[in-house]
Protein backbone atom coordinates (compact mmCIF):
# COMPACT_ATOMS: atom_id res chain seq x y z
CA UNK A 1 16.97 143.74 68.79
CA UNK A 2 18.77 141.15 70.88
CA UNK A 3 21.83 143.30 71.51
CA UNK A 4 19.83 146.45 72.22
CA UNK A 5 17.56 144.61 74.65
CA UNK A 6 20.43 142.86 76.37
CA UNK A 7 22.59 145.93 76.94
CA UNK A 8 19.72 148.19 77.99
CA UNK A 9 18.28 145.66 80.46
CA UNK A 10 21.70 144.69 81.82
CA UNK A 11 22.69 148.32 82.27
CA UNK A 12 19.46 149.19 84.07
CA UNK A 13 19.74 146.17 86.35
CA UNK A 14 23.36 147.01 87.18
CA UNK A 15 22.39 150.59 88.06
CA UNK A 16 19.47 149.35 90.14
CA UNK A 17 21.71 146.97 92.03
CA UNK A 18 21.17 143.35 92.78
CA UNK A 19 22.65 140.20 94.20
CA UNK A 20 25.48 139.44 91.76
CA UNK A 21 26.32 140.63 88.25
CA UNK A 22 26.12 137.19 86.61
CA UNK A 23 22.58 136.65 87.87
CA UNK A 24 21.61 140.01 86.41
CA UNK A 25 23.32 139.03 83.14
CA UNK A 26 21.19 135.87 83.02
CA UNK A 27 18.02 137.91 83.50
CA UNK A 28 19.14 140.28 80.73
CA UNK A 29 19.88 137.36 78.38
CA UNK A 30 16.48 135.76 78.93
CA UNK A 31 14.70 139.11 78.58
CA UNK A 32 16.57 139.85 75.35
CA UNK A 33 15.74 136.41 73.95
CA UNK A 34 12.04 136.78 74.77
CA UNK A 35 11.78 140.27 73.28
CA UNK A 36 13.62 139.16 70.15
CA UNK A 37 11.19 136.27 69.67
CA UNK A 38 8.22 138.54 70.32
CA UNK A 39 9.49 140.99 67.71
CA UNK A 40 9.99 138.15 65.25
CA UNK A 41 6.42 136.89 65.58
CA UNK A 42 4.59 140.21 66.03
CA UNK A 43 2.59 141.21 62.99
CA UNK A 44 1.80 144.54 61.34
CA UNK A 45 3.96 146.74 63.56
CA UNK A 46 2.49 145.50 66.82
CA UNK A 47 5.97 144.80 68.15
CA UNK A 48 6.00 148.40 69.37
CA UNK A 49 3.43 147.37 71.96
CA UNK A 50 4.32 143.73 72.54
CA UNK A 51 8.10 144.04 73.04
CA UNK A 52 7.96 146.41 76.03
CA UNK A 53 5.12 144.38 77.55
CA UNK A 54 7.07 141.14 77.16
CA UNK A 55 10.22 142.71 78.61
CA UNK A 56 8.27 144.07 81.55
CA UNK A 57 6.61 140.73 82.27
CA UNK A 58 9.89 138.81 82.14
CA UNK A 59 11.78 141.33 84.26
CA UNK A 60 9.03 141.52 86.87
CA UNK A 61 8.92 137.75 87.11
CA UNK A 62 12.66 137.40 87.62
CA UNK A 63 13.00 140.43 89.90
CA UNK A 64 10.25 139.00 92.08
CA UNK A 65 12.10 135.69 92.21
CA UNK A 66 15.44 137.24 93.19
CA UNK A 67 13.91 139.61 95.73
CA UNK A 68 13.58 136.59 98.03
CA UNK A 69 17.35 135.97 97.95
């Protein structure tokens, strides 16, 4: 899950454009870590709902923060 989350988020952020690639890589790493932990602790198949929600929340938070740069 970590690798899939990292590469998909990093690829999307690179295509979207942003300040610098290493900042986008940091956002992708944190998003991948959060979604991996959410998948680990989600019960009874609920990770299908919780993982995209967690990824969206983390990405929106960080994209809002870097939009001010």
